[in-house]
């Protein structure tokens, strides 16, 4: 087993946009009339960021793991222990464990980004105004556990670099939000 502490930080001009709709928010929104949606969004956008018990906003560990697994799939990097040239790290990455992001900020540190989005439904031409919390500058450390310890540190960095450049975390990734760079990788002995 190998354990790493990985440092990540945003790439300039790539804010992190939070959109973690909890069931209680979806229920609250479903009770609103169409004309009430915009004012609800303008008043309640901060609720879309996850908070810990102390009220601090945090980056969910599963966002980073999902970005990492997706990078394994899309980069098609062949593992050093592969028995076939068609293998990727995708299945292996799914067995890794990410925990304990160190990023925390106050709700006051967040700003709002708004956009007209398509309403639910494949044929819907209705646009509704949505607001999301964002933070322009962020950095975090996260612990990664490589249960089998077969991935090299160089391969890990390559995959994390790919994840940061092409996958990102959070919402609005298609417009280059949530992109990050690896600032450090330290193995814990």
N, C-alpha and C. Protein backbone atom coordinates (compact mmCIF):
# COMPACT_ATOMS: atom_id res chain seq x y z
N UNK A 1 0.85 -1.18 0.00
CA UNK A 1 0.00 0.00 0.00
C UNK A 1 0.89 1.24 0.00
N UNK A 2 0.49 2.23 -0.80
CA UNK A 2 1.17 3.52 -0.83
C UNK A 2 0.16 4.60 -0.46
N UNK A 3 0.66 5.61 0.23
CA UNK A 3 -0.19 6.72 0.64
C UNK A 3 0.52 8.02 0.25
N UNK A 4 -0.22 8.94 -0.35
CA UNK A 4 0.35 10.20 -0.82
C UNK A 4 -0.45 11.37 -0.27
N UNK A 5 0.26 12.48 -0.04
CA UNK A 5 -0.40 13.76 0.18
C UNK A 5 -0.14 14.56 -1.09
N UNK A 6 -1.22 14.95 -1.74
CA UNK A 6 -1.15 15.62 -3.03
C UNK A 6 -1.62 17.05 -2.88
N UNK A 7 -0.80 17.98 -3.35
CA UNK A 7 -1.17 19.39 -3.35
C UNK A 7 -1.73 19.78 -4.70
N UNK A 8 -2.87 20.46 -4.68
CA UNK A 8 -3.52 20.92 -5.91
C UNK A 8 -3.87 22.40 -5.76
N UNK A 9 -3.84 23.12 -6.86
CA UNK A 9 -4.25 24.53 -6.86
C UNK A 9 -4.83 24.88 -8.20
N UNK A 10 -5.68 25.92 -8.20
CA UNK A 10 -6.33 26.27 -9.46
C UNK A 10 -5.34 26.89 -10.44
N UNK A 11 -5.62 26.69 -11.70
CA UNK A 11 -4.89 27.36 -12.77
C UNK A 11 -5.51 28.75 -12.89
N UNK A 12 -4.70 29.77 -13.14
CA UNK A 12 -5.24 31.14 -13.20
C UNK A 12 -6.37 31.23 -14.22
N UNK A 13 -7.33 32.08 -13.90
CA UNK A 13 -8.53 32.27 -14.72
C UNK A 13 -9.38 31.01 -14.83
N UNK A 14 -9.33 30.17 -13.82
CA UNK A 14 -10.16 28.97 -13.80
C UNK A 14 -10.79 28.82 -12.41
N UNK A 15 -11.85 29.60 -12.14
CA UNK A 15 -12.48 29.53 -10.82
C UNK A 15 -13.13 28.17 -10.58
N UNK A 16 -13.35 27.87 -9.33
CA UNK A 16 -14.05 26.65 -8.95
C UNK A 16 -15.51 26.99 -8.70
N UNK A 17 -16.41 26.34 -9.42
CA UNK A 17 -17.84 26.59 -9.30
C UNK A 17 -18.48 25.41 -8.58
N UNK A 18 -19.16 25.71 -7.49
CA UNK A 18 -19.82 24.69 -6.68
C UNK A 18 -21.26 24.52 -7.16
N UNK A 19 -21.70 23.29 -7.27
CA UNK A 19 -23.10 23.00 -7.58
C UNK A 19 -23.41 21.63 -7.00
N UNK A 20 -23.67 21.59 -5.73
CA UNK A 20 -23.96 20.32 -5.07
C UNK A 20 -25.38 20.39 -4.52
N UNK A 21 -26.31 20.14 -5.39
CA UNK A 21 -27.72 20.20 -5.01
C UNK A 21 -28.08 19.02 -4.10
N UNK A 22 -28.42 19.34 -2.88
CA UNK A 22 -28.87 18.32 -1.95
C UNK A 22 -30.37 18.10 -2.15
N UNK A 23 -30.88 16.93 -1.75
CA UNK A 23 -32.30 16.62 -1.95
C UNK A 23 -33.25 17.68 -1.37
N UNK A 24 -32.88 18.23 -0.21
CA UNK A 24 -33.77 19.23 0.40
C UNK A 24 -33.88 20.50 -0.45
N UNK A 25 -32.82 20.86 -1.16
CA UNK A 25 -32.89 22.02 -2.05
C UNK A 25 -33.76 21.72 -3.26
N UNK A 26 -33.61 20.55 -3.83
CA UNK A 26 -34.44 20.17 -4.98
C UNK A 26 -35.91 20.18 -4.60
N UNK A 27 -36.20 19.70 -3.41
CA UNK A 27 -37.58 19.69 -2.92
C UNK A 27 -38.10 21.11 -2.75
N UNK A 28 -37.27 21.97 -2.18
CA UNK A 28 -37.64 23.38 -1.98
C UNK A 28 -37.92 24.06 -3.32
N UNK A 29 -37.07 23.82 -4.31
CA UNK A 29 -37.23 24.43 -5.62
C UNK A 29 -38.47 23.90 -6.33
N UNK A 30 -38.76 22.62 -6.17
CA UNK A 30 -39.90 22.02 -6.86
C UNK A 30 -41.23 22.63 -6.41
N UNK A 31 -41.27 23.24 -5.24
CA UNK A 31 -42.50 23.84 -4.72
C UNK A 31 -42.71 25.28 -5.21
N UNK A 32 -41.70 25.84 -5.88
CA UNK A 32 -41.78 27.22 -6.33
C UNK A 32 -42.51 27.34 -7.66
N UNK A 33 -43.13 28.49 -7.87
CA UNK A 33 -43.72 28.80 -9.17
C UNK A 33 -42.63 29.33 -10.08
N UNK A 34 -42.84 29.23 -11.37
CA UNK A 34 -41.82 29.61 -12.35
C UNK A 34 -41.33 31.04 -12.13
N UNK A 35 -42.24 31.95 -11.83
CA UNK A 35 -41.86 33.36 -11.66
C UNK A 35 -41.09 33.60 -10.35
N UNK A 36 -41.08 32.63 -9.45
CA UNK A 36 -40.34 32.76 -8.18
C UNK A 36 -38.92 32.21 -8.26
N UNK A 37 -38.61 31.47 -9.33
CA UNK A 37 -37.31 30.80 -9.43
C UNK A 37 -36.13 31.75 -9.43
N UNK A 38 -36.20 32.83 -10.22
CA UNK A 38 -35.06 33.74 -10.32
C UNK A 38 -34.76 34.39 -8.97
N UNK A 39 -35.77 34.84 -8.26
CA UNK A 39 -35.51 35.48 -6.95
C UNK A 39 -34.99 34.45 -5.95
N UNK A 40 -35.48 33.19 -6.03
CA UNK A 40 -34.94 32.15 -5.14
C UNK A 40 -33.45 31.94 -5.42
N UNK A 41 -33.09 31.85 -6.70
CA UNK A 41 -31.69 31.66 -7.08
C UNK A 41 -30.81 32.80 -6.57
N UNK A 42 -31.27 34.04 -6.73
CA UNK A 42 -30.48 35.19 -6.30
C UNK A 42 -30.29 35.24 -4.79
N UNK A 43 -31.25 34.72 -4.05
CA UNK A 43 -31.17 34.74 -2.59
C UNK A 43 -30.48 33.52 -1.98
N UNK A 44 -30.52 32.39 -2.66
CA UNK A 44 -30.09 31.12 -2.05
C UNK A 44 -28.91 30.43 -2.74
N UNK A 45 -28.19 31.11 -3.60
CA UNK A 45 -27.11 30.47 -4.36
C UNK A 45 -26.03 29.87 -3.46
N UNK A 46 -25.80 30.44 -2.29
CA UNK A 46 -24.76 29.92 -1.39
C UNK A 46 -25.08 28.51 -0.88
N UNK A 47 -26.34 28.15 -0.89
CA UNK A 47 -26.74 26.82 -0.41
C UNK A 47 -26.24 25.69 -1.31
N UNK A 48 -25.77 26.02 -2.50
CA UNK A 48 -25.33 25.00 -3.45
C UNK A 48 -23.89 24.54 -3.20
N UNK A 49 -23.23 25.12 -2.21
CA UNK A 49 -21.88 24.69 -1.82
C UNK A 49 -22.00 23.83 -0.57
N UNK A 50 -21.28 22.71 -0.54
CA UNK A 50 -21.31 21.84 0.65
C UNK A 50 -20.57 22.49 1.80
N UNK A 51 -21.12 22.32 2.99
CA UNK A 51 -20.50 22.88 4.18
C UNK A 51 -20.31 21.80 5.23
N UNK A 52 -19.26 21.94 6.02
CA UNK A 52 -19.05 21.02 7.13
C UNK A 52 -19.90 21.45 8.32
N UNK A 53 -19.76 20.77 9.44
CA UNK A 53 -20.59 21.05 10.62
C UNK A 53 -20.33 22.43 11.20
N UNK A 54 -19.16 23.00 10.90
CA UNK A 54 -18.82 24.34 11.38
C UNK A 54 -19.26 25.44 10.41
N UNK A 55 -19.84 25.06 9.28
CA UNK A 55 -20.30 26.03 8.30
C UNK A 55 -19.27 26.43 7.26
N UNK A 56 -18.11 25.77 7.25
CA UNK A 56 -17.08 26.06 6.26
C UNK A 56 -17.37 25.32 4.96
N UNK A 57 -17.18 25.99 3.85
CA UNK A 57 -17.33 25.38 2.53
C UNK A 57 -16.10 24.51 2.28
N UNK A 58 -16.32 23.33 1.70
CA UNK A 58 -15.20 22.44 1.41
C UNK A 58 -15.35 21.83 0.02
N UNK A 59 -14.24 21.30 -0.50
CA UNK A 59 -14.25 20.60 -1.78
C UNK A 59 -14.46 19.12 -1.48
N UNK A 60 -15.52 18.52 -2.01
CA UNK A 60 -15.74 17.09 -1.77
C UNK A 60 -14.62 16.23 -2.37
N UNK A 61 -14.13 15.28 -1.61
CA UNK A 61 -13.06 14.37 -2.06
C UNK A 61 -13.47 13.60 -3.31
N UNK A 62 -14.76 13.28 -3.39
CA UNK A 62 -15.21 12.48 -4.54
C UNK A 62 -15.10 13.25 -5.86
N UNK A 63 -15.06 14.58 -5.83
CA UNK A 63 -14.84 15.34 -7.06
C UNK A 63 -13.46 15.05 -7.62
N UNK A 64 -12.46 15.01 -6.73
CA UNK A 64 -11.09 14.79 -7.17
C UNK A 64 -10.90 13.35 -7.65
N UNK A 65 -11.51 12.42 -6.92
CA UNK A 65 -11.41 11.03 -7.36
C UNK A 65 -12.08 10.85 -8.72
N UNK A 66 -13.24 11.43 -8.92
CA UNK A 66 -13.94 11.29 -10.21
C UNK A 66 -13.11 11.88 -11.35
N UNK A 67 -12.46 13.00 -11.10
CA UNK A 67 -11.60 13.62 -12.10
C UNK A 67 -10.42 12.70 -12.42
N UNK A 68 -9.85 12.09 -11.38
CA UNK A 68 -8.71 11.19 -11.54
C UNK A 68 -9.11 9.94 -12.34
N UNK A 69 -10.23 9.32 -11.99
CA UNK A 69 -10.70 8.13 -12.71
C UNK A 69 -11.00 8.47 -14.17
N UNK A 70 -11.61 9.61 -14.39
CA UNK A 70 -11.91 10.04 -15.76
C UNK A 70 -10.62 10.27 -16.56
N UNK A 71 -9.60 10.82 -15.91
CA UNK A 71 -8.31 11.02 -16.57
C UNK A 71 -7.69 9.68 -16.95
N UNK A 72 -7.83 8.69 -16.09
CA UNK A 72 -7.31 7.35 -16.40
C UNK A 72 -7.99 6.78 -17.64
N UNK A 73 -9.29 7.01 -17.73
CA UNK A 73 -10.05 6.49 -18.87
C UNK A 73 -9.69 7.23 -20.16
N UNK A 74 -9.66 8.54 -20.12
CA UNK A 74 -9.48 9.33 -21.33
C UNK A 74 -8.03 9.45 -21.79
N UNK A 75 -7.08 9.39 -20.87
CA UNK A 75 -5.66 9.50 -21.26
C UNK A 75 -5.15 8.21 -21.89
N UNK A 76 -5.79 7.10 -21.53
CA UNK A 76 -5.42 5.78 -22.03
C UNK A 76 -3.99 5.39 -21.68
N UNK A 77 -3.46 5.95 -20.56
CA UNK A 77 -2.12 5.58 -20.11
C UNK A 77 -2.11 4.10 -19.73
N UNK A 78 -1.16 3.36 -20.30
CA UNK A 78 -1.05 1.93 -20.04
C UNK A 78 -0.22 1.74 -18.76
N UNK A 79 -0.75 1.00 -17.79
CA UNK A 79 -0.03 0.78 -16.54
C UNK A 79 1.31 0.07 -16.74
N UNK A 80 2.25 0.33 -15.85
CA UNK A 80 3.57 -0.31 -15.93
C UNK A 80 3.47 -1.82 -15.74
N UNK A 81 2.42 -2.29 -15.11
CA UNK A 81 2.24 -3.72 -14.84
C UNK A 81 1.26 -4.38 -15.80
N UNK A 82 0.87 -3.67 -16.86
CA UNK A 82 -0.15 -4.17 -17.79
C UNK A 82 0.30 -5.45 -18.49
N UNK A 83 -0.65 -6.31 -18.75
CA UNK A 83 -0.39 -7.53 -19.52
C UNK A 83 -0.90 -7.38 -20.96
N UNK A 84 -1.55 -6.26 -21.25
CA UNK A 84 -2.07 -5.98 -22.58
C UNK A 84 -1.90 -4.49 -22.87
N UNK A 85 -1.65 -4.13 -24.11
CA UNK A 85 -1.49 -2.72 -24.48
C UNK A 85 -2.81 -1.97 -24.48
N UNK A 86 -3.91 -2.72 -24.31
CA UNK A 86 -5.23 -2.08 -24.28
C UNK A 86 -5.66 -1.71 -22.87
N UNK A 87 -4.90 -2.12 -21.89
CA UNK A 87 -5.25 -1.81 -20.50
C UNK A 87 -5.06 -0.33 -20.21
N UNK A 88 -5.88 0.19 -19.32
CA UNK A 88 -5.70 1.54 -18.79
C UNK A 88 -5.74 1.46 -17.27
N UNK A 89 -5.52 2.56 -16.63
CA UNK A 89 -5.57 2.61 -15.17
C UNK A 89 -7.00 2.77 -14.63
N UNK A 90 -7.99 2.79 -15.48
CA UNK A 90 -9.35 3.11 -15.06
C UNK A 90 -9.84 2.22 -13.92
N UNK A 91 -9.85 0.92 -14.10
CA UNK A 91 -10.33 0.00 -13.06
C UNK A 91 -9.46 0.08 -11.81
N UNK A 92 -8.18 0.21 -12.01
CA UNK A 92 -7.25 0.31 -10.88
C UNK A 92 -7.54 1.59 -10.08
N UNK A 93 -7.77 2.70 -10.80
CA UNK A 93 -8.03 3.98 -10.14
C UNK A 93 -9.32 3.94 -9.32
N UNK A 94 -10.27 3.14 -9.75
CA UNK A 94 -11.52 3.03 -9.01
C UNK A 94 -11.31 2.42 -7.63
N UNK A 95 -10.21 1.69 -7.44
CA UNK A 95 -9.93 1.09 -6.13
C UNK A 95 -9.12 2.01 -5.22
N UNK A 96 -8.68 3.16 -5.76
CA UNK A 96 -7.95 4.12 -4.91
C UNK A 96 -8.93 4.84 -4.01
N UNK A 97 -8.39 5.48 -3.00
CA UNK A 97 -9.22 6.16 -2.02
C UNK A 97 -8.69 7.56 -1.81
N UNK A 98 -9.54 8.57 -1.96
CA UNK A 98 -9.17 9.96 -1.73
C UNK A 98 -9.93 10.45 -0.50
N UNK A 99 -9.22 11.17 0.38
CA UNK A 99 -9.87 11.65 1.61
C UNK A 99 -9.20 12.93 2.11
N UNK A 100 -9.91 13.62 2.95
CA UNK A 100 -9.37 14.74 3.73
C UNK A 100 -8.85 15.90 2.89
N UNK A 101 -9.70 16.53 2.09
CA UNK A 101 -9.25 17.76 1.43
C UNK A 101 -9.09 18.83 2.51
N UNK A 102 -8.07 19.65 2.37
CA UNK A 102 -7.79 20.67 3.38
C UNK A 102 -8.45 22.00 3.06
N UNK A 103 -9.01 22.15 1.86
CA UNK A 103 -9.63 23.42 1.49
C UNK A 103 -10.84 23.70 2.37
N UNK A 104 -10.85 24.89 2.93
CA UNK A 104 -12.02 25.36 3.68
C UNK A 104 -12.09 26.87 3.46
N UNK A 105 -13.29 27.37 3.30
CA UNK A 105 -13.47 28.82 3.22
C UNK A 105 -14.84 29.16 3.80
N UNK A 106 -15.01 30.41 4.11
CA UNK A 106 -16.27 30.90 4.63
C UNK A 106 -17.21 31.18 3.45
N UNK A 107 -18.50 31.16 3.72
CA UNK A 107 -19.47 31.52 2.68
C UNK A 107 -19.21 32.93 2.16
N UNK A 108 -18.68 33.80 3.02
CA UNK A 108 -18.40 35.19 2.63
C UNK A 108 -17.33 35.27 1.54
N UNK A 109 -16.47 34.25 1.44
CA UNK A 109 -15.40 34.24 0.45
C UNK A 109 -15.91 33.88 -0.95
N UNK A 110 -17.14 33.40 -1.03
CA UNK A 110 -17.71 32.98 -2.31
C UNK A 110 -18.32 34.17 -3.03
N UNK A 111 -18.29 34.12 -4.35
CA UNK A 111 -19.00 35.09 -5.16
C UNK A 111 -19.99 34.31 -6.03
N UNK A 112 -20.82 35.03 -6.73
CA UNK A 112 -21.87 34.38 -7.50
C UNK A 112 -21.59 34.45 -8.99
N UNK A 113 -21.94 33.40 -9.69
CA UNK A 113 -21.92 33.39 -11.15
C UNK A 113 -23.32 32.93 -11.58
N UNK A 114 -23.90 33.66 -12.52
CA UNK A 114 -25.24 33.33 -12.98
C UNK A 114 -25.26 33.07 -14.47
N UNK A 115 -26.21 32.26 -14.90
CA UNK A 115 -26.34 31.93 -16.31
C UNK A 115 -27.75 31.44 -16.60
N UNK A 116 -28.21 31.67 -17.82
CA UNK A 116 -29.47 31.08 -18.25
C UNK A 116 -29.19 29.65 -18.69
N UNK A 117 -29.91 28.73 -18.11
CA UNK A 117 -29.71 27.31 -18.39
C UNK A 117 -31.01 26.74 -18.94
N UNK A 118 -30.88 25.66 -19.73
CA UNK A 118 -32.04 24.97 -20.25
C UNK A 118 -32.79 24.29 -19.12
N UNK A 119 -34.10 24.39 -19.13
CA UNK A 119 -34.91 23.73 -18.12
C UNK A 119 -34.88 22.23 -18.37
N UNK A 120 -35.31 21.44 -17.40
CA UNK A 120 -35.28 19.98 -17.52
C UNK A 120 -36.18 19.53 -18.66
N UNK A 121 -35.74 18.48 -19.33
CA UNK A 121 -36.53 17.91 -20.42
C UNK A 121 -35.78 18.02 -21.73
N UNK A 122 -35.81 16.94 -22.50
CA UNK A 122 -35.03 16.88 -23.73
C UNK A 122 -35.48 17.91 -24.77
N UNK A 123 -36.77 18.17 -24.84
CA UNK A 123 -37.29 19.08 -25.86
C UNK A 123 -37.61 20.46 -25.32
N UNK A 124 -37.16 20.75 -24.13
CA UNK A 124 -37.48 22.02 -23.50
C UNK A 124 -36.70 23.16 -24.14
N UNK A 125 -37.41 24.20 -24.52
CA UNK A 125 -36.77 25.41 -25.04
C UNK A 125 -36.80 26.51 -23.99
N UNK A 126 -37.31 26.19 -22.82
CA UNK A 126 -37.39 27.15 -21.74
C UNK A 126 -36.02 27.33 -21.10
N UNK A 127 -35.65 28.57 -20.86
CA UNK A 127 -34.41 28.88 -20.16
C UNK A 127 -34.77 29.46 -18.79
N UNK A 128 -34.04 29.03 -17.79
CA UNK A 128 -34.23 29.56 -16.44
C UNK A 128 -32.91 30.11 -15.95
N UNK A 129 -32.99 31.13 -15.10
CA UNK A 129 -31.78 31.75 -14.57
C UNK A 129 -31.32 30.98 -13.34
N UNK A 130 -30.05 30.57 -13.34
CA UNK A 130 -29.46 29.82 -12.23
C UNK A 130 -28.25 30.57 -11.71
N UNK A 131 -28.04 30.50 -10.41
CA UNK A 131 -26.89 31.12 -9.78
C UNK A 131 -26.10 30.05 -9.03
N UNK A 132 -24.77 30.18 -9.07
CA UNK A 132 -23.90 29.20 -8.42
C UNK A 132 -22.80 29.91 -7.66
N UNK A 133 -22.37 29.33 -6.54
CA UNK A 133 -21.24 29.90 -5.81
C UNK A 133 -19.92 29.54 -6.49
N UNK A 134 -18.99 30.48 -6.46
CA UNK A 134 -17.67 30.22 -7.04
C UNK A 134 -16.61 30.87 -6.18
N UNK A 135 -15.40 30.36 -6.33
CA UNK A 135 -14.24 30.97 -5.70
C UNK A 135 -13.15 31.03 -6.76
N UNK A 136 -12.52 32.20 -6.88
CA UNK A 136 -11.54 32.41 -7.95
C UNK A 136 -10.20 31.76 -7.66
N UNK A 137 -9.74 31.82 -6.44
CA UNK A 137 -8.44 31.27 -6.07
C UNK A 137 -8.64 30.18 -5.02
N UNK A 138 -8.06 29.02 -5.24
CA UNK A 138 -8.17 27.95 -4.26
C UNK A 138 -6.96 27.03 -4.36
N UNK A 139 -6.69 26.37 -3.25
CA UNK A 139 -5.67 25.32 -3.22
C UNK A 139 -6.06 24.36 -2.11
N UNK A 140 -5.62 23.13 -2.26
CA UNK A 140 -5.94 22.12 -1.26
C UNK A 140 -4.87 21.04 -1.27
N UNK A 141 -4.84 20.31 -0.21
CA UNK A 141 -4.08 19.06 -0.16
C UNK A 141 -5.11 17.97 0.07
N UNK A 142 -4.82 16.80 -0.48
CA UNK A 142 -5.71 15.66 -0.32
C UNK A 142 -4.85 14.42 -0.15
N UNK A 143 -5.35 13.49 0.66
CA UNK A 143 -4.65 12.24 0.87
C UNK A 143 -5.21 11.21 -0.10
N UNK A 144 -4.30 10.50 -0.78
CA UNK A 144 -4.70 9.43 -1.69
C UNK A 144 -4.08 8.14 -1.21
N UNK A 145 -4.89 7.09 -1.15
CA UNK A 145 -4.42 5.77 -0.76
C UNK A 145 -4.47 4.87 -1.99
N UNK A 146 -3.29 4.39 -2.40
CA UNK A 146 -3.15 3.43 -3.50
C UNK A 146 -3.03 2.06 -2.83
N UNK A 147 -4.15 1.40 -2.69
CA UNK A 147 -4.25 0.16 -1.91
C UNK A 147 -3.24 -0.91 -2.31
N UNK A 148 -3.07 -1.12 -3.60
CA UNK A 148 -2.16 -2.16 -4.07
C UNK A 148 -0.73 -1.65 -4.28
N UNK A 149 -0.53 -0.34 -4.32
CA UNK A 149 0.80 0.24 -4.43
C UNK A 149 1.53 -0.07 -5.72
N UNK A 150 0.80 -0.29 -6.79
CA UNK A 150 1.44 -0.68 -8.06
C UNK A 150 1.69 0.50 -8.99
N UNK A 151 1.07 1.64 -8.73
CA UNK A 151 1.24 2.81 -9.58
C UNK A 151 2.52 3.54 -9.18
N UNK A 152 3.31 3.94 -10.17
CA UNK A 152 4.52 4.70 -9.84
C UNK A 152 4.15 6.16 -9.59
N UNK A 153 5.01 6.85 -8.90
CA UNK A 153 4.78 8.27 -8.60
C UNK A 153 4.73 9.08 -9.90
N UNK A 154 5.53 8.71 -10.88
CA UNK A 154 5.55 9.41 -12.16
C UNK A 154 4.23 9.22 -12.91
N UNK A 155 3.71 7.98 -12.89
CA UNK A 155 2.41 7.74 -13.53
C UNK A 155 1.30 8.50 -12.80
N UNK A 156 1.36 8.53 -11.48
CA UNK A 156 0.37 9.27 -10.69
C UNK A 156 0.39 10.74 -11.09
N UNK A 157 1.58 11.33 -11.18
CA UNK A 157 1.68 12.74 -11.57
C UNK A 157 1.13 12.97 -12.97
N UNK A 158 1.47 12.08 -13.91
CA UNK A 158 0.98 12.21 -15.28
C UNK A 158 -0.54 12.21 -15.32
N UNK A 159 -1.14 11.29 -14.58
CA UNK A 159 -2.61 11.19 -14.56
C UNK A 159 -3.25 12.38 -13.87
N UNK A 160 -2.65 12.84 -12.78
CA UNK A 160 -3.20 14.02 -12.09
C UNK A 160 -3.04 15.27 -12.95
N UNK A 161 -1.91 15.39 -13.66
CA UNK A 161 -1.74 16.53 -14.57
C UNK A 161 -2.82 16.51 -15.65
N UNK A 162 -3.08 15.32 -16.19
CA UNK A 162 -4.13 15.18 -17.21
C UNK A 162 -5.48 15.57 -16.62
N UNK A 163 -5.76 15.08 -15.42
CA UNK A 163 -7.04 15.40 -14.75
C UNK A 163 -7.19 16.91 -14.58
N UNK A 164 -6.13 17.57 -14.16
CA UNK A 164 -6.20 19.01 -13.95
C UNK A 164 -6.37 19.81 -15.22
N UNK A 165 -5.69 19.40 -16.27
CA UNK A 165 -5.76 20.13 -17.53
C UNK A 165 -7.03 19.88 -18.32
N UNK A 166 -7.50 18.62 -18.33
CA UNK A 166 -8.58 18.26 -19.24
C UNK A 166 -9.90 17.86 -18.57
N UNK A 167 -9.86 17.47 -17.32
CA UNK A 167 -11.08 17.01 -16.65
C UNK A 167 -11.62 18.08 -15.70
N UNK A 168 -10.80 18.55 -14.77
CA UNK A 168 -11.22 19.56 -13.81
C UNK A 168 -12.17 19.01 -12.75
N UNK A 169 -12.59 19.89 -11.86
CA UNK A 169 -13.56 19.54 -10.82
C UNK A 169 -14.62 20.63 -10.73
N UNK A 170 -15.72 20.31 -10.09
CA UNK A 170 -16.80 21.29 -9.92
C UNK A 170 -17.66 21.40 -11.16
N UNK A 171 -18.39 22.51 -11.24
CA UNK A 171 -19.32 22.73 -12.34
C UNK A 171 -18.69 23.68 -13.37
N UNK A 172 -19.32 23.80 -14.52
CA UNK A 172 -18.90 24.68 -15.61
C UNK A 172 -17.53 24.27 -16.17
N UNK A 173 -17.21 22.99 -16.11
CA UNK A 173 -15.91 22.52 -16.60
C UNK A 173 -15.77 22.70 -18.11
N UNK A 174 -16.89 22.67 -18.83
CA UNK A 174 -16.83 22.84 -20.29
C UNK A 174 -16.36 24.23 -20.69
N UNK A 175 -16.47 25.18 -19.78
CA UNK A 175 -15.97 26.53 -20.07
C UNK A 175 -14.72 26.82 -19.23
N UNK A 176 -13.98 25.75 -18.94
CA UNK A 176 -12.66 25.81 -18.29
C UNK A 176 -12.67 26.25 -16.83
N UNK A 177 -13.75 26.06 -16.13
CA UNK A 177 -13.74 26.27 -14.69
C UNK A 177 -13.28 24.98 -14.02
N UNK A 178 -12.70 25.10 -12.85
CA UNK A 178 -12.29 23.93 -12.07
C UNK A 178 -11.01 23.26 -12.53
N UNK A 179 -10.26 23.89 -13.43
CA UNK A 179 -8.98 23.33 -13.86
C UNK A 179 -7.96 23.53 -12.75
N UNK A 180 -7.06 22.58 -12.61
CA UNK A 180 -6.08 22.67 -11.53
C UNK A 180 -4.73 22.15 -11.96
N UNK A 181 -3.72 22.47 -11.15
CA UNK A 181 -2.37 21.96 -11.37
C UNK A 181 -1.90 21.25 -10.11
N UNK A 182 -1.01 20.32 -10.30
CA UNK A 182 -0.43 19.58 -9.18
C UNK A 182 0.74 20.40 -8.64
N UNK A 183 0.68 20.74 -7.37
CA UNK A 183 1.76 21.54 -6.77
C UNK A 183 2.76 20.67 -6.02
N UNK A 184 2.31 19.50 -5.57
CA UNK A 184 3.23 18.58 -4.87
C UNK A 184 2.64 17.19 -4.77
N UNK A 185 3.51 16.21 -4.71
CA UNK A 185 3.12 14.82 -4.43
C UNK A 185 4.18 14.28 -3.48
N UNK A 186 3.75 13.96 -2.27
CA UNK A 186 4.67 13.43 -1.26
C UNK A 186 4.15 12.10 -0.75
N UNK A 187 5.00 11.07 -0.86
CA UNK A 187 4.61 9.77 -0.35
C UNK A 187 4.80 9.73 1.17
N UNK A 188 3.80 9.22 1.86
CA UNK A 188 3.89 9.05 3.30
C UNK A 188 4.43 7.65 3.58
N UNK A 189 5.53 7.59 4.26
CA UNK A 189 6.16 6.28 4.55
C UNK A 189 5.66 5.73 5.87
